[in-house]
Amino acid sequence: MKLIIAYIQPEKLNDVKQALYAAEVYKMSVTNALGCGQQRGYRESYRGVDIEVNLLKKVRLEIAVNDNFVKPTVDAIIKGARTGNIGDGKIFILPLEECIRIRTGETGSVAIG
């Protein structure tokens, strides 16, 4: 079992969701996040004062999958999120020690579904 965490551009969320649905990955958690990477933010002027905005809006996806779904999930995220520009995002794959479905008490791969 793996936990896939992806940070993507907010405007690419629908494209990523469609690619995940096409790969038969339906369960995910989505949260708004702020962060910066190579693009390092931007400068803007507000009421005559220069402001450096270095935390940009991102979307964080968390998807728990069984081992045989890792590659299709990662490929779908890349397909939906890639523009070829700096700031497309990052994907992290972490080992998932245990998963428990609260409703039934099932554990492990069965609980992920």
PDB file of N, CA and C in Angstrom:
ATOM      1  N   MET A   1       0.839  -1.180   0.000  1.00  0.00           N
ATOM      2  CA  MET A   1       0.000   0.000   0.000  1.00  0.00           C
ATOM      3  C   MET A   1       0.879   1.237   0.000  1.00  0.00           C
ATOM      4  N   LYS A   2       0.439   2.252  -0.728  1.00  0.00           N
ATOM      5  CA  LYS A   2       1.187   3.505  -0.840  1.00  0.00           C
ATOM      6  C   LYS A   2       0.242   4.684  -0.650  1.00  0.00           C
ATOM      7  N   LEU A   3       0.807   5.768  -0.153  1.00  0.00           N
ATOM      8  CA  LEU A   3       0.099   7.040  -0.081  1.00  0.00           C
ATOM      9  C   LEU A   3       0.752   7.966  -1.089  1.00  0.00           C
ATOM     10  N   ILE A   4      -0.019   8.426  -2.050  1.00  0.00           N
ATOM     11  CA  ILE A   4       0.476   9.328  -3.080  1.00  0.00           C
ATOM     12  C   ILE A   4      -0.003  10.733  -2.735  1.00  0.00           C
ATOM     13  N   ILE A   5       0.956  11.638  -2.594  1.00  0.00           N
ATOM     14  CA  ILE A   5       0.646  13.038  -2.320  1.00  0.00           C
ATOM     15  C   ILE A   5       1.131  13.848  -3.508  1.00  0.00           C
ATOM     16  N   ALA A   6       0.239  14.637  -4.078  1.00  0.00           N
ATOM     17  CA  ALA A   6       0.594  15.444  -5.243  1.00  0.00           C
ATOM     18  C   ALA A   6       0.200  16.893  -5.000  1.00  0.00           C
ATOM     19  N   TYR A   7       1.088  17.800  -5.360  1.00  0.00           N
ATOM     20  CA  TYR A   7       0.799  19.234  -5.348  1.00  0.00           C
ATOM     21  C   TYR A   7       0.711  19.676  -6.796  1.00  0.00           C
ATOM     22  N   ILE A   8      -0.420  20.258  -7.173  1.00  0.00           N
ATOM     23  CA  ILE A   8      -0.654  20.658  -8.558  1.00  0.00           C
ATOM     24  C   ILE A   8      -1.210  22.079  -8.602  1.00  0.00           C
ATOM     25  N   GLN A   9      -1.261  22.635  -9.815  1.00  0.00           N
ATOM     26  CA  GLN A   9      -1.872  23.942 -10.024  1.00  0.00           C
ATOM     27  C   GLN A   9      -3.395  23.819  -9.850  1.00  0.00           C
ATOM     28  N   PRO A  10      -4.034  24.790  -9.189  1.00  0.00           N
ATOM     29  CA  PRO A  10      -5.481  24.701  -8.975  1.00  0.00           C
ATOM     30  C   PRO A  10      -6.293  24.567 -10.261  1.00  0.00           C
ATOM     31  N   GLU A  11      -5.861  25.234 -11.326  1.00  0.00           N
ATOM     32  CA  GLU A  11      -6.629  25.191 -12.576  1.00  0.00           C
ATOM     33  C   GLU A  11      -6.516  23.836 -13.284  1.00  0.00           C
ATOM     34  N   LYS A  12      -5.607  22.979 -12.853  1.00  0.00           N
ATOM     35  CA  LYS A  12      -5.445  21.656 -13.464  1.00  0.00           C
ATOM     36  C   LYS A  12      -6.193  20.563 -12.698  1.00  0.00           C
ATOM     37  N   LEU A  13      -6.895  20.929 -11.631  1.00  0.00           N
ATOM     38  CA  LEU A  13      -7.580  19.926 -10.804  1.00  0.00           C
ATOM     39  C   LEU A  13      -8.594  19.118 -11.601  1.00  0.00           C
ATOM     40  N   ASN A  14      -9.429  19.779 -12.396  1.00  0.00           N
ATOM     41  CA  ASN A  14     -10.433  19.036 -13.172  1.00  0.00           C
ATOM     42  C   ASN A  14      -9.793  18.094 -14.180  1.00  0.00           C
ATOM     43  N   ASP A  15      -8.708  18.525 -14.818  1.00  0.00           N
ATOM     44  CA  ASP A  15      -8.008  17.654 -15.766  1.00  0.00           C
ATOM     45  C   ASP A  15      -7.428  16.427 -15.057  1.00  0.00           C
ATOM     46  N   VAL A  16      -6.865  16.636 -13.874  1.00  0.00           N
ATOM     47  CA  VAL A  16      -6.298  15.521 -13.108  1.00  0.00           C
ATOM     48  C   VAL A  16      -7.403  14.573 -12.658  1.00  0.00           C
ATOM     49  N   LYS A  17      -8.519  15.122 -12.190  1.00  0.00           N
ATOM     50  CA  LYS A  17      -9.634  14.256 -11.775  1.00  0.00           C
ATOM     51  C   LYS A  17     -10.142  13.412 -12.940  1.00  0.00           C
ATOM     52  N   GLN A  18     -10.276  14.002 -14.109  1.00  0.00           N
ATOM     53  CA  GLN A  18     -10.737  13.246 -15.277  1.00  0.00           C
ATOM     54  C   GLN A  18      -9.752  12.139 -15.644  1.00  0.00           C
ATOM     55  N   ALA A  19      -8.448  12.445 -15.580  1.00  0.00           N
ATOM     56  CA  ALA A  19      -7.434  11.435 -15.880  1.00  0.00           C
ATOM     57  C   ALA A  19      -7.453  10.315 -14.837  1.00  0.00           C
ATOM     58  N   LEU A  20      -7.668  10.669 -13.571  1.00  0.00           N
ATOM     59  CA  LEU A  20      -7.757   9.644 -12.523  1.00  0.00           C
ATOM     60  C   LEU A  20      -8.991   8.774 -12.715  1.00  0.00           C
ATOM     61  N   TYR A  21     -10.123   9.377 -13.060  1.00  0.00           N
ATOM     62  CA  TYR A  21     -11.335   8.593 -13.303  1.00  0.00           C
ATOM     63  C   TYR A  21     -11.130   7.637 -14.472  1.00  0.00           C
ATOM     64  N   ALA A  22     -10.428   8.095 -15.515  1.00  0.00           N
ATOM     65  CA  ALA A  22     -10.148   7.231 -16.667  1.00  0.00           C
ATOM     66  C   ALA A  22      -9.248   6.061 -16.266  1.00  0.00           C
ATOM     67  N   ALA A  23      -8.390   6.268 -15.249  1.00  0.00           N
ATOM     68  CA  ALA A  23      -7.504   5.206 -14.756  1.00  0.00           C
ATOM     69  C   ALA A  23      -8.176   4.376 -13.660  1.00  0.00           C
ATOM     70  N   GLU A  24      -9.470   4.605 -13.440  1.00  0.00           N
ATOM     71  CA  GLU A  24     -10.270   3.879 -12.447  1.00  0.00           C
ATOM     72  C   GLU A  24      -9.797   4.124 -11.020  1.00  0.00           C
ATOM     73  N   VAL A  25      -9.341   5.361 -10.765  1.00  0.00           N
ATOM     74  CA  VAL A  25      -8.995   5.786  -9.416  1.00  0.00           C
ATOM     75  C   VAL A  25     -10.033   6.834  -9.020  1.00  0.00           C
ATOM     76  N   TYR A  26     -10.887   6.486  -8.041  1.00  0.00           N
ATOM     77  CA  TYR A  26     -12.020   7.344  -7.711  1.00  0.00           C
ATOM     78  C   TYR A  26     -11.914   7.974  -6.319  1.00  0.00           C
ATOM     79  N   LYS A  27     -11.089   7.420  -5.458  1.00  0.00           N
ATOM     80  CA  LYS A  27     -11.037   7.889  -4.077  1.00  0.00           C
ATOM     81  C   LYS A  27      -9.833   8.794  -3.881  1.00  0.00           C
ATOM     82  N   MET A  28     -10.090   9.997  -3.395  1.00  0.00           N
ATOM     83  CA  MET A  28      -9.010  10.960  -3.173  1.00  0.00           C
ATOM     84  C   MET A  28      -9.452  11.990  -2.157  1.00  0.00           C
ATOM     85  N   SER A  29      -8.488  12.662  -1.593  1.00  0.00           N
ATOM     86  CA  SER A  29      -8.739  13.784  -0.705  1.00  0.00           C
ATOM     87  C   SER A  29      -8.073  14.999  -1.323  1.00  0.00           C
ATOM     88  N   VAL A  30      -8.788  16.123  -1.364  1.00  0.00           N
ATOM     89  CA  VAL A  30      -8.276  17.336  -2.004  1.00  0.00           C
ATOM     90  C   VAL A  30      -8.340  18.482  -0.994  1.00  0.00           C
ATOM     91  N   THR A  31      -7.210  19.186  -0.834  1.00  0.00           N
ATOM     92  CA  THR A  31      -7.175  20.360   0.033  1.00  0.00           C
ATOM     93  C   THR A  31      -6.425  21.481  -0.673  1.00  0.00           C
ATOM     94  N   ASN A  32      -6.735  22.711  -0.277  1.00  0.00           N
ATOM     95  CA  ASN A  32      -6.011  23.865  -0.793  1.00  0.00           C
ATOM     96  C   ASN A  32      -4.727  24.020   0.010  1.00  0.00           C
ATOM     97  N   ALA A  33      -3.670  24.435  -0.656  1.00  0.00           N
ATOM     98  CA  ALA A  33      -2.373  24.614  -0.006  1.00  0.00           C
ATOM     99  C   ALA A  33      -1.695  25.857  -0.562  1.00  0.00           C
ATOM    100  N   LEU A  34      -0.728  26.360   0.176  1.00  0.00           N
ATOM    101  CA  LEU A  34       0.117  27.455  -0.280  1.00  0.00           C
ATOM    102  C   LEU A  34       1.549  26.960  -0.288  1.00  0.00           C
ATOM    103  N   GLY A  35       2.306  27.348  -1.301  1.00  0.00           N
ATOM    104  CA  GLY A  35       3.699  26.915  -1.350  1.00  0.00           C
ATOM    105  C   GLY A  35       4.438  27.576  -2.492  1.00  0.00           C
ATOM    106  N   CYS A  36       5.727  27.325  -2.529  1.00  0.00           N
ATOM    107  CA  CYS A  36       6.521  27.829  -3.631  1.00  0.00           C
ATOM    108  C   CYS A  36       7.658  26.865  -3.907  1.00  0.00           C
ATOM    109  N   GLY A  37       8.110  26.893  -5.127  1.00  0.00           N
ATOM    110  CA  GLY A  37       9.206  26.041  -5.552  1.00  0.00           C
ATOM    111  C   GLY A  37      10.144  26.870  -6.397  1.00  0.00           C
ATOM    112  N   GLN A  38      10.471  26.354  -7.581  1.00  0.00           N
ATOM    113  CA  GLN A  38      11.397  27.055  -8.455  1.00  0.00           C
ATOM    114  C   GLN A  38      10.864  28.392  -8.951  1.00  0.00           C
ATOM    115  N   GLN A  39       9.545  28.539  -9.029  1.00  0.00           N
ATOM    116  CA  GLN A  39       9.028  29.788  -9.576  1.00  0.00           C
ATOM    117  C   GLN A  39       9.205  30.956  -8.598  1.00  0.00           C
ATOM    118  N   ARG A  40       9.409  30.674  -7.335  1.00  0.00           N
ATOM    119  CA  ARG A  40       9.765  31.659  -6.317  1.00  0.00           C
ATOM    120  C   ARG A  40       8.774  32.802  -6.159  1.00  0.00           C
ATOM    121  N   GLY A  41       7.573  32.674  -6.594  1.00  0.00           N
ATOM    122  CA  GLY A  41       6.584  33.718  -6.395  1.00  0.00           C
ATOM    123  C   GLY A  41       6.703  34.860  -7.395  1.00  0.00           C
ATOM    124  N   TYR A  42       6.145  36.013  -7.021  1.00  0.00           N
ATOM    125  CA  TYR A  42       6.149  37.177  -7.896  1.00  0.00           C
ATOM    126  C   TYR A  42       6.042  38.443  -7.055  1.00  0.00           C
ATOM    127  N   ARG A  43       6.265  39.602  -7.682  1.00  0.00           N
ATOM    128  CA  ARG A  43       6.159  40.901  -7.000  1.00  0.00           C
ATOM    129  C   ARG A  43       4.938  41.641  -7.550  1.00  0.00           C
ATOM    130  N   GLU A  44       4.260  42.307  -6.652  1.00  0.00           N
ATOM    131  CA  GLU A  44       3.163  43.164  -7.095  1.00  0.00           C
ATOM    132  C   GLU A  44       3.164  44.427  -6.250  1.00  0.00           C
ATOM    133  N   SER A  45       2.483  45.433  -6.763  1.00  0.00           N
ATOM    134  CA  SER A  45       2.409  46.706  -6.060  1.00  0.00           C
ATOM    135  C   SER A  45       0.990  46.882  -5.521  1.00  0.00           C
ATOM    136  N   TYR A  46       0.887  47.166  -4.230  1.00  0.00           N
ATOM    137  CA  TYR A  46      -0.408  47.388  -3.599  1.00  0.00           C
ATOM    138  C   TYR A  46      -0.372  48.738  -2.905  1.00  0.00           C
ATOM    139  N   ARG A  47      -1.155  49.680  -3.409  1.00  0.00           N
ATOM    140  CA  ARG A  47      -1.212  51.040  -2.884  1.00  0.00           C
ATOM    141  C   ARG A  47       0.173  51.686  -2.820  1.00  0.00           C
ATOM    142  N   GLY A  48       0.934  51.435  -3.880  1.00  0.00           N
ATOM    143  CA  GLY A  48       2.249  52.051  -3.995  1.00  0.00           C
ATOM    144  C   GLY A  48       3.359  51.337  -3.242  1.00  0.00           C
ATOM    145  N   VAL A  49       3.046  50.241  -2.581  1.00  0.00           N
ATOM    146  CA  VAL A  49       4.053  49.498  -1.824  1.00  0.00           C
ATOM    147  C   VAL A  49       4.319  48.188  -2.554  1.00  0.00           C
ATOM    148  N   ASP A  50       5.608  47.904  -2.806  1.00  0.00           N
ATOM    149  CA  ASP A  50       5.969  46.633  -3.440  1.00  0.00           C
ATOM    150  C   ASP A  50       5.834  45.495  -2.435  1.00  0.00           C
ATOM    151  N   ILE A  51       5.153  44.449  -2.860  1.00  0.00           N
ATOM    152  CA  ILE A  51       4.942  43.275  -2.014  1.00  0.00           C
ATOM    153  C   ILE A  51       5.452  42.055  -2.763  1.00  0.00           C
ATOM    154  N   GLU A  52       6.225  41.233  -2.084  1.00  0.00           N
ATOM    155  CA  GLU A  52       6.703  39.984  -2.678  1.00  0.00           C
ATOM    156  C   GLU A  52       5.778  38.857  -2.226  1.00  0.00           C
ATOM    157  N   VAL A  53       5.123  38.242  -3.197  1.00  0.00           N
ATOM    158  CA  VAL A  53       4.228  37.128  -2.914  1.00  0.00           C
ATOM    159  C   VAL A  53       4.984  35.854  -3.270  1.00  0.00           C
ATOM    160  N   ASN A  54       5.431  35.107  -2.250  1.00  0.00           N
ATOM    161  CA  ASN A  54       6.203  33.904  -2.554  1.00  0.00           C
ATOM    162  C   ASN A  54       5.478  32.620  -2.184  1.00  0.00           C
ATOM    163  N   LEU A  55       4.286  32.725  -1.640  1.00  0.00           N
ATOM    164  CA  LEU A  55       3.472  31.538  -1.395  1.00  0.00           C
ATOM    165  C   LEU A  55       2.318  31.556  -2.383  1.00  0.00           C
ATOM    166  N   LEU A  56       2.374  30.636  -3.332  1.00  0.00           N
ATOM    167  CA  LEU A  56       1.381  30.579  -4.398  1.00  0.00           C
ATOM    168  C   LEU A  56       0.336  29.516  -4.095  1.00  0.00           C
ATOM    169  N   LYS A  57      -0.857  29.687  -4.660  1.00  0.00           N
ATOM    170  CA  LYS A  57      -1.936  28.725  -4.446  1.00  0.00           C
ATOM    171  C   LYS A  57      -1.631  27.417  -5.159  1.00  0.00           C
ATOM    172  N   LYS A  58      -1.820  26.330  -4.443  1.00  0.00           N
ATOM    173  CA  LYS A  58      -1.659  24.979  -4.975  1.00  0.00           C
ATOM    174  C   LYS A  58      -2.813  24.135  -4.478  1.00  0.00           C
ATOM    175  N   VAL A  59      -2.962  22.959  -5.052  1.00  0.00           N
ATOM    176  CA  VAL A  59      -3.944  21.987  -4.591  1.00  0.00           C
ATOM    177  C   VAL A  59      -3.179  20.731  -4.192  1.00  0.00           C
ATOM    178  N   ARG A  60      -3.514  20.185  -3.031  1.00  0.00           N
ATOM    179  CA  ARG A  60      -2.855  18.967  -2.537  1.00  0.00           C
ATOM    180  C   ARG A  60      -3.834  17.804  -2.678  1.00  0.00           C
ATOM    181  N   LEU A  61      -3.393  16.777  -3.387  1.00  0.00           N
ATOM    182  CA  LEU A  61      -4.168  15.548  -3.536  1.00  0.00           C
ATOM    183  C   LEU A  61      -3.514  14.468  -2.680  1.00  0.00           C
ATOM    184  N   GLU A  62      -4.325  13.724  -1.956  1.00  0.00           N
ATOM    185  CA  GLU A  62      -3.834  12.565  -1.214  1.00  0.00           C
ATOM    186  C   GLU A  62      -4.646  11.364  -1.678  1.00  0.00           C
ATOM    187  N   ILE A  63      -3.941  10.349  -2.135  1.00  0.00           N
ATOM    188  CA  ILE A  63      -4.606   9.166  -2.671  1.00  0.00           C
ATOM    189  C   ILE A  63      -3.920   7.927  -2.099  1.00  0.00           C
ATOM    190  N   ALA A  64      -4.662   7.105  -1.377  1.00  0.00           N
ATOM    191  CA  ALA A  64      -4.136   5.840  -0.868  1.00  0.00           C
ATOM    192  C   ALA A  64      -4.494   4.759  -1.882  1.00  0.00           C
ATOM    193  N   VAL A  65      -3.481   4.006  -2.323  1.00  0.00           N
ATOM    194  CA  VAL A  65      -3.713   2.975  -3.341  1.00  0.00           C
ATOM    195  C   VAL A  65      -2.974   1.697  -2.973  1.00  0.00           C
ATOM    196  N   ASN A  66      -3.463   0.594  -3.512  1.00  0.00           N
ATOM    197  CA  ASN A  66      -2.742  -0.659  -3.414  1.00  0.00           C
ATOM    198  C   ASN A  66      -1.573  -0.608  -4.396  1.00  0.00           C
ATOM    199  N   ASP A  67      -0.599  -1.479  -4.190  1.00  0.00           N
ATOM    200  CA  ASP A  67       0.648  -1.421  -4.964  1.00  0.00           C
ATOM    201  C   ASP A  67       0.436  -1.496  -6.474  1.00  0.00           C
ATOM    202  N   ASN A  68      -0.559  -2.247  -6.929  1.00  0.00           N
ATOM    203  CA  ASN A  68      -0.768  -2.385  -8.372  1.00  0.00           C
ATOM    204  C   ASN A  68      -1.411  -1.138  -9.000  1.00  0.00           C
ATOM    205  N   PHE A  69      -1.845  -0.178  -8.194  1.00  0.00           N
ATOM    206  CA  PHE A  69      -2.444   1.047  -8.721  1.00  0.00           C
ATOM    207  C   PHE A  69      -1.492   2.241  -8.659  1.00  0.00           C
ATOM    208  N   VAL A  70      -0.276   2.056  -8.159  1.00  0.00           N
ATOM    209  CA  VAL A  70       0.644   3.189  -8.008  1.00  0.00           C
ATOM    210  C   VAL A  70       0.990   3.792  -9.366  1.00  0.00           C
ATOM    211  N   LYS A  71       1.463   2.995 -10.290  1.00  0.00           N
ATOM    212  CA  LYS A  71       1.883   3.520 -11.602  1.00  0.00           C
ATOM    213  C   LYS A  71       0.720   4.153 -12.369  1.00  0.00           C
ATOM    214  N   PRO A  72      -0.450   3.485 -12.476  1.00  0.00           N
ATOM    215  CA  PRO A  72      -1.556   4.153 -13.184  1.00  0.00           C
ATOM    216  C   PRO A  72      -1.983   5.476 -12.539  1.00  0.00           C
ATOM    217  N   THR A  73      -1.923   5.536 -11.214  1.00  0.00           N
ATOM    218  CA  THR A  73      -2.307   6.769 -10.521  1.00  0.00           C
ATOM    219  C   THR A  73      -1.315   7.880 -10.810  1.00  0.00           C
ATOM    220  N   VAL A  74      -0.030   7.589 -10.700  1.00  0.00           N
ATOM    221  CA  VAL A  74       1.008   8.591 -10.965  1.00  0.00           C
ATOM    222  C   VAL A  74       0.944   9.049 -12.424  1.00  0.00           C
ATOM    223  N   ASP A  75       0.785   8.101 -13.341  1.00  0.00           N
ATOM    224  CA  ASP A  75       0.697   8.460 -14.759  1.00  0.00           C
ATOM    225  C   ASP A  75      -0.507   9.360 -15.037  1.00  0.00           C
ATOM    226  N   ALA A  76      -1.629   9.094 -14.369  1.00  0.00           N
ATOM    227  CA  ALA A  76      -2.827   9.913 -14.564  1.00  0.00           C
ATOM    228  C   ALA A  76      -2.620  11.330 -14.027  1.00  0.00           C
ATOM    229  N   ILE A  77      -1.978  11.440 -12.875  1.00  0.00           N
ATOM    230  CA  ILE A  77      -1.716  12.771 -12.315  1.00  0.00           C
ATOM    231  C   ILE A  77      -0.808  13.561 -13.254  1.00  0.00           C
ATOM    232  N   ILE A  78       0.238  12.914 -13.742  1.00  0.00           N
ATOM    233  CA  ILE A  78       1.155  13.591 -14.667  1.00  0.00           C
ATOM    234  C   ILE A  78       0.429  13.995 -15.940  1.00  0.00           C
ATOM    235  N   LYS A  79      -0.392  13.105 -16.473  1.00  0.00           N
ATOM    236  CA  LYS A  79      -1.124  13.409 -17.710  1.00  0.00           C
ATOM    237  C   LYS A  79      -2.044  14.617 -17.532  1.00  0.00           C
ATOM    238  N   GLY A  80      -2.714  14.691 -16.405  1.00  0.00           N
ATOM    239  CA  GLY A  80      -3.650  15.784 -16.177  1.00  0.00           C
ATOM    240  C   GLY A  80      -3.009  17.094 -15.768  1.00  0.00           C
ATOM    241  N   ALA A  81      -1.849  17.036 -15.092  1.00  0.00           N
ATOM    242  CA  ALA A  81      -1.263  18.247 -14.511  1.00  0.00           C
ATOM    243  C   ALA A  81      -0.151  18.866 -15.342  1.00  0.00           C
ATOM    244  N   ARG A  82       0.439  18.121 -16.244  1.00  0.00           N
ATOM    245  CA  ARG A  82       1.631  18.624 -16.952  1.00  0.00           C
ATOM    246  C   ARG A  82       1.290  19.701 -17.980  1.00  0.00           C
ATOM    247  N   THR A  83       1.999  20.831 -17.875  1.00  0.00           N
ATOM    248  CA  THR A  83       1.927  21.875 -18.893  1.00  0.00           C
ATOM    249  C   THR A  83       3.297  22.087 -19.528  1.00  0.00           C
ATOM    250  N   GLY A  84       4.340  21.598 -18.859  1.00  0.00           N
ATOM    251  CA  GLY A  84       5.695  21.794 -19.342  1.00  0.00           C
ATOM    252  C   GLY A  84       6.352  23.032 -18.780  1.00  0.00           C
ATOM    253  N   ASN A  85       5.649  23.761 -17.928  1.00  0.00           N
ATOM    254  CA  ASN A  85       6.185  24.990 -17.342  1.00  0.00           C
ATOM    255  C   ASN A  85       6.596  24.757 -15.899  1.00  0.00           C
ATOM    256  N   ILE A  86       7.462  25.642 -15.392  1.00  0.00           N
ATOM    257  CA  ILE A  86       7.824  25.600 -13.981  1.00  0.00           C
ATOM    258  C   ILE A  86       6.560  25.805 -13.161  1.00  0.00           C
ATOM    259  N   GLY A  87       6.408  25.024 -12.101  1.00  0.00           N
ATOM    260  CA  GLY A  87       5.243  25.160 -11.223  1.00  0.00           C
ATOM    261  C   GLY A  87       4.175  24.126 -11.470  1.00  0.00           C
ATOM    262  N   ASP A  88       4.434  23.146 -12.342  1.00  0.00           N
ATOM    263  CA  ASP A  88       3.439  22.096 -12.595  1.00  0.00           C
ATOM    264  C   ASP A  88       3.150  21.284 -11.340  1.00  0.00           C
ATOM    265  N   GLY A  89       4.111  21.126 -10.457  1.00  0.00           N
ATOM    266  CA  GLY A  89       3.863  20.447  -9.197  1.00  0.00           C
ATOM    267  C   GLY A  89       4.846  19.338  -8.903  1.00  0.00           C
ATOM    268  N   LYS A  90       4.533  18.592  -7.847  1.00  0.00           N
ATOM    269  CA  LYS A  90       5.366  17.483  -7.396  1.00  0.00           C
ATOM    270  C   LYS A  90       4.466  16.334  -6.971  1.00  0.00           C
ATOM    271  N   ILE A  91       5.024  15.118  -7.047  1.00  0.00           N
ATOM    272  CA  ILE A  91       4.332  13.918  -6.576  1.00  0.00           C
ATOM    273  C   ILE A  91       5.264  13.208  -5.606  1.00  0.00           C
ATOM    274  N   PHE A  92       4.729  12.845  -4.450  1.00  0.00           N
ATOM    275  CA  PHE A  92       5.473  12.092  -3.447  1.00  0.00           C
ATOM    276  C   PHE A  92       4.775  10.757  -3.226  1.00  0.00           C
ATOM    277  N   ILE A  93       5.555   9.687  -3.143  1.00  0.00           N
ATOM    278  CA  ILE A  93       5.000   8.354  -2.909  1.00  0.00           C
ATOM    279  C   ILE A  93       5.588   7.834  -1.597  1.00  0.00           C
ATOM    280  N   LEU A  94       4.715   7.577  -0.643  1.00  0.00           N
ATOM    281  CA  LEU A  94       5.131   7.141   0.683  1.00  0.00           C
ATOM    282  C   LEU A  94       4.578   5.749   0.978  1.00  0.00           C
ATOM    283  N   PRO A  95       5.331   4.937   1.718  1.00  0.00           N
ATOM    284  CA  PRO A  95       4.776   3.653   2.136  1.00  0.00           C
ATOM    285  C   PRO A  95       3.642   3.894   3.136  1.00  0.00           C
ATOM    286  N   LEU A  96       2.597   3.113   3.026  1.00  0.00           N
ATOM    287  CA  LEU A  96       1.443   3.239   3.911  1.00  0.00           C
ATOM    288  C   LEU A  96       1.411   1.995   4.784  1.00  0.00           C
ATOM    289  N   GLU A  97       1.676   2.184   6.043  1.00  0.00           N
ATOM    290  CA  GLU A  97       1.817   1.059   6.956  1.00  0.00           C
ATOM    291  C   GLU A  97       0.505   0.317   7.180  1.00  0.00           C
ATOM    292  N   GLU A  98      -0.568   1.050   7.380  1.00  0.00           N
ATOM    293  CA  GLU A  98      -1.842   0.393   7.681  1.00  0.00           C
ATOM    294  C   GLU A  98      -2.994   1.275   7.229  1.00  0.00           C
ATOM    295  N   CYS A  99      -4.098   0.648   6.907  1.00  0.00           N
ATOM    296  CA  CYS A  99      -5.336   1.354   6.552  1.00  0.00           C
ATOM    297  C   CYS A  99      -6.478   0.607   7.222  1.00  0.00           C
ATOM    298  N   ILE A 100      -7.373   1.342   7.852  1.00  0.00           N
ATOM    299  CA  ILE A 100      -8.514   0.730   8.539  1.00  0.00           C
ATOM    300  C   ILE A 100      -9.779   1.432   8.084  1.00  0.00           C
ATOM    301  N   ARG A 101     -10.736   0.662   7.600  1.00  0.00           N
ATOM    302  CA  ARG A 101     -12.043   1.225   7.243  1.00  0.00           C
ATOM    303  C   ARG A 101     -12.875   1.270   8.518  1.00  0.00           C
ATOM    304  N   ILE A 102     -13.256   2.454   8.934  1.00  0.00           N
ATOM    305  CA  ILE A 102     -13.955   2.646  10.206  1.00  0.00           C
ATOM    306  C   ILE A 102     -15.291   1.925  10.217  1.00  0.00           C
ATOM    307  N   ARG A 103     -16.045   2.016   9.137  1.00  0.00           N
ATOM    308  CA  ARG A 103     -17.397   1.450   9.086  1.00  0.00           C
ATOM    309  C   ARG A 103     -17.414  -0.051   9.351  1.00  0.00           C
ATOM    310  N   THR A 104     -16.487  -0.790   8.734  1.00  0.00           N
ATOM    311  CA  THR A 104     -16.525  -2.259   8.811  1.00  0.00           C
ATOM    312  C   THR A 104     -15.411  -2.865   9.659  1.00  0.00           C
ATOM    313  N   GLY A 105     -14.368  -2.077   9.942  1.00  0.00           N
ATOM    314  CA  GLY A 105     -13.244  -2.598  10.677  1.00  0.00           C
ATOM    315  C   GLY A 105     -12.234  -3.331   9.801  1.00  0.00           C
ATOM    316  N   GLU A 106     -12.463  -3.370   8.478  1.00  0.00           N
ATOM    317  CA  GLU A 106     -11.515  -4.031   7.573  1.00  0.00           C
ATOM    318  C   GLU A 106     -10.170  -3.316   7.636  1.00  0.00           C
ATOM    319  N   THR A 107      -9.104  -4.080   7.429  1.00  0.00           N
ATOM    320  CA  THR A 107      -7.767  -3.503   7.475  1.00  0.00           C
ATOM    321  C   THR A 107      -6.987  -3.880   6.232  1.00  0.00           C
ATOM    322  N   GLY A 108      -5.881  -3.169   5.990  1.00  0.00           N
ATOM    323  CA  GLY A 108      -4.981  -3.488   4.902  1.00  0.00           C
ATOM    324  C   GLY A 108      -5.526  -3.118   3.533  1.00  0.00           C
ATOM    325  N   SER A 109      -5.129  -3.900   2.534  1.00  0.00           N
ATOM    326  CA  SER A 109      -5.491  -3.629   1.142  1.00  0.00           C
ATOM    327  C   SER A 109      -6.997  -3.646   0.908  1.00  0.00           C
ATOM    328  N   VAL A 110      -7.698  -4.459   1.633  1.00  0.00           N
ATOM    329  CA  VAL A 110      -9.158  -4.547   1.481  1.00  0.00           C
ATOM    330  C   VAL A 110      -9.814  -3.224   1.881  1.00  0.00           C
ATOM    331  N   ALA A 111      -9.269  -2.571   2.894  1.00  0.00           N
ATOM    332  CA  ALA A 111      -9.847  -1.319   3.382  1.00  0.00           C
ATOM    333  C   ALA A 111      -9.678  -0.178   2.395  1.00  0.00           C
ATOM    334  N   ILE A 112      -8.599  -0.207   1.620  1.00  0.00           N
ATOM    335  CA  ILE A 112      -8.381   0.857   0.627  1.00  0.00           C
ATOM    336  C   ILE A 112      -9.405   0.769  -0.481  1.00  0.00           C
ATOM    337  N   GLY A 113      -9.721  -0.443  -0.907  1.00  0.00           N
ATOM    338  CA  GLY A 113     -10.740  -0.639  -1.926  1.00  0.00           C
ATOM    339  C   GLY A 113     -10.207  -0.663  -3.325  1.00  0.00           C
TER     340      GLY A 113
END
